[in-house]
N, C-alpha and C. Protein backbone atom coordinates (compact mmCIF):
# COMPACT_ATOMS: atom_id res chain seq x y z
N UNK A 1 101.07 103.68 86.27
CA UNK A 1 100.86 102.47 85.65
C UNK A 1 100.68 101.45 86.84
N UNK A 2 99.93 100.36 86.54
CA UNK A 2 99.57 99.30 87.59
C UNK A 2 100.85 98.54 87.86
N UNK A 3 101.20 98.17 89.05
CA UNK A 3 102.02 97.36 89.54
C UNK A 3 101.65 96.39 90.57
N UNK A 4 101.75 95.24 90.64
CA UNK A 4 101.48 94.26 91.66
C UNK A 4 102.62 93.66 92.49
N UNK A 5 103.66 94.16 92.22
CA UNK A 5 104.88 93.64 93.06
C UNK A 5 105.11 94.56 94.17
N UNK A 6 104.39 94.15 95.29
CA UNK A 6 104.51 95.00 96.54
C UNK A 6 105.79 94.91 97.37
N UNK A 7 106.84 94.09 96.83
CA UNK A 7 108.06 94.04 97.36
C UNK A 7 108.92 94.98 96.58
N UNK A 8 108.67 95.69 95.67
CA UNK A 8 109.34 96.69 94.82
C UNK A 8 109.21 98.08 95.57
N UNK A 9 110.41 98.87 95.70
CA UNK A 9 110.28 100.16 96.42
C UNK A 9 109.47 101.12 95.74
N UNK A 10 109.46 100.88 94.42
CA UNK A 10 108.63 101.92 93.54
C UNK A 10 107.08 101.77 93.50
N UNK A 11 106.66 100.58 94.11
CA UNK A 11 105.33 100.25 94.19
C UNK A 11 104.61 100.97 95.33
N UNK A 12 103.44 101.67 95.03
CA UNK A 12 102.58 102.44 96.07
C UNK A 12 101.20 102.32 95.65
N UNK A 13 100.41 101.70 96.50
CA UNK A 13 99.09 101.30 96.44
C UNK A 13 98.71 100.87 95.03
N UNK A 14 99.37 99.71 94.63
CA UNK A 14 99.20 99.09 93.43
C UNK A 14 99.64 99.75 92.15
N UNK A 15 100.30 100.83 92.34
CA UNK A 15 100.84 101.57 91.09
C UNK A 15 102.24 101.79 91.25
N UNK A 16 102.89 102.07 90.14
CA UNK A 16 104.46 102.35 90.04
C UNK A 16 104.53 103.76 90.14
N UNK A 17 105.41 104.34 90.87
CA UNK A 17 105.50 105.83 90.94
C UNK A 17 106.65 106.27 89.81
N UNK A 18 107.27 105.33 89.16
CA UNK A 18 108.14 105.81 88.08
C UNK A 18 107.34 106.53 86.80
N UNK A 19 107.86 107.40 86.15
CA UNK A 19 107.34 108.00 85.05
C UNK A 19 107.29 106.88 83.67
N UNK A 20 108.61 106.37 83.69
CA UNK A 20 108.71 105.18 82.65
C UNK A 20 109.62 104.06 83.19
N UNK A 21 109.32 102.91 82.72
CA UNK A 21 110.00 101.77 83.12
C UNK A 21 110.36 100.93 81.71
N UNK A 22 111.33 100.03 81.92
CA UNK A 22 111.79 99.15 80.79
C UNK A 22 111.46 97.75 81.04
N UNK A 23 110.97 96.92 80.27
CA UNK A 23 110.50 95.63 80.41
C UNK A 23 111.73 94.64 79.85
N UNK A 24 112.10 93.75 80.80
CA UNK A 24 113.23 92.78 80.30
C UNK A 24 112.58 91.79 79.36
N UNK A 25 113.66 90.83 78.99
CA UNK A 25 113.01 89.68 78.05
C UNK A 25 112.05 88.92 78.79
N UNK A 26 112.17 88.78 80.11
CA UNK A 26 111.05 87.91 80.80
C UNK A 26 109.82 88.65 81.14
N UNK A 27 109.69 89.79 80.53
CA UNK A 27 108.55 90.58 80.95
C UNK A 27 108.36 91.33 82.30
N UNK A 28 109.55 91.40 82.90
CA UNK A 28 109.61 92.02 84.36
C UNK A 28 110.18 93.41 84.18
N UNK A 29 109.84 94.21 85.11
CA UNK A 29 110.43 95.66 85.17
C UNK A 29 111.87 95.62 85.42
N UNK A 30 112.72 96.30 84.65
CA UNK A 30 114.07 96.11 85.02
C UNK A 30 114.70 97.15 86.04
N UNK A 31 113.62 98.15 86.35
CA UNK A 31 113.91 99.12 87.32
C UNK A 31 113.61 98.62 88.79
N UNK A 32 113.09 97.66 88.96
CA UNK A 32 112.67 97.06 90.26
C UNK A 32 113.82 96.86 91.18
N UNK A 33 113.51 97.38 92.55
CA UNK A 33 114.38 97.39 93.51
C UNK A 33 113.51 96.62 94.62
N UNK A 34 114.11 95.51 95.06
CA UNK A 34 113.30 94.62 96.01
C UNK A 34 113.68 95.10 97.53
N UNK A 35 112.60 95.14 98.26
CA UNK A 35 112.86 95.41 99.67
C UNK A 35 113.44 94.16 100.23
N UNK A 36 114.52 94.27 101.08
CA UNK A 36 115.18 93.20 101.75
C UNK A 36 114.56 93.10 103.08
N UNK A 37 113.95 91.92 103.21
CA UNK A 37 113.20 91.55 104.51
C UNK A 37 114.13 90.58 105.31
N UNK A 38 114.48 90.69 106.52
CA UNK A 38 115.19 89.81 107.05
C UNK A 38 114.56 88.46 107.19
N UNK A 39 115.40 87.38 107.10
CA UNK A 39 114.73 86.06 107.03
C UNK A 39 113.80 85.65 108.20
N UNK A 40 114.28 85.85 109.38
CA UNK A 40 113.30 85.73 110.57
C UNK A 40 112.06 86.39 110.49
N UNK A 41 111.98 87.56 109.96
CA UNK A 41 110.59 88.35 109.72
C UNK A 41 109.85 87.62 108.72
N UNK A 42 110.42 87.27 107.47
CA UNK A 42 109.79 86.40 106.58
C UNK A 42 109.16 85.22 107.06
N UNK A 43 109.99 84.38 107.86
CA UNK A 43 109.57 83.08 108.27
C UNK A 43 108.41 83.35 109.33
N UNK A 44 108.39 84.42 110.04
CA UNK A 44 107.51 84.81 111.07
C UNK A 44 106.03 84.94 110.46
N UNK A 45 106.07 85.70 109.23
CA UNK A 45 104.83 86.02 108.52
C UNK A 45 104.35 84.89 107.71
N UNK A 46 105.28 84.07 107.28
CA UNK A 46 104.90 82.87 106.49
C UNK A 46 104.14 81.90 107.47
N UNK A 47 104.67 81.81 108.75
CA UNK A 47 104.04 80.92 109.64
C UNK A 47 102.70 81.45 110.12
N UNK A 48 102.60 82.71 110.28
CA UNK A 48 101.30 83.23 110.63
C UNK A 48 100.32 82.94 109.40
N UNK A 49 100.64 83.24 108.29
CA UNK A 49 99.76 82.96 107.11
C UNK A 49 99.40 81.49 106.89
N UNK A 50 100.31 80.75 107.20
CA UNK A 50 100.13 79.32 106.88
C UNK A 50 99.17 78.89 107.99
N UNK A 51 99.29 79.22 109.11
CA UNK A 51 98.39 78.86 110.32
C UNK A 51 96.97 79.38 109.96
N UNK A 52 96.88 80.52 109.40
CA UNK A 52 95.61 81.11 109.10
C UNK A 52 95.01 80.37 107.86
N UNK A 53 95.72 79.97 107.08
CA UNK A 53 95.20 79.12 105.95
C UNK A 53 94.62 77.83 106.52
N UNK A 54 95.48 77.12 107.16
CA UNK A 54 95.18 75.84 107.98
C UNK A 54 93.80 75.96 108.62
N UNK A 55 93.76 76.99 109.51
CA UNK A 55 92.50 77.29 110.35
C UNK A 55 91.33 77.45 109.60
N UNK A 56 91.38 78.34 108.46
CA UNK A 56 90.34 78.48 107.75
C UNK A 56 89.84 77.23 106.96
N UNK A 57 90.67 76.53 106.45
CA UNK A 57 90.50 75.29 105.88
C UNK A 57 89.78 74.26 106.66
N UNK A 58 90.06 74.29 107.75
CA UNK A 58 89.39 73.33 108.96
C UNK A 58 88.00 73.61 109.50
N UNK A 59 87.41 74.92 109.03
CA UNK A 59 86.35 75.47 109.48
C UNK A 59 85.23 74.82 108.74
């Protein structure tokens, strides 16, 4: 089944590797396990993407 949550350990190339899932009241998968990314890594990539966005906007 299709899955767009690339922070979930069960997502692989846009698809969920589980045979079955349950959806909670908010419409989200209740089997999702998020990858824990250290804050310094997250901030580093956010800064890179922000700079890329700003540079492309100024072209």
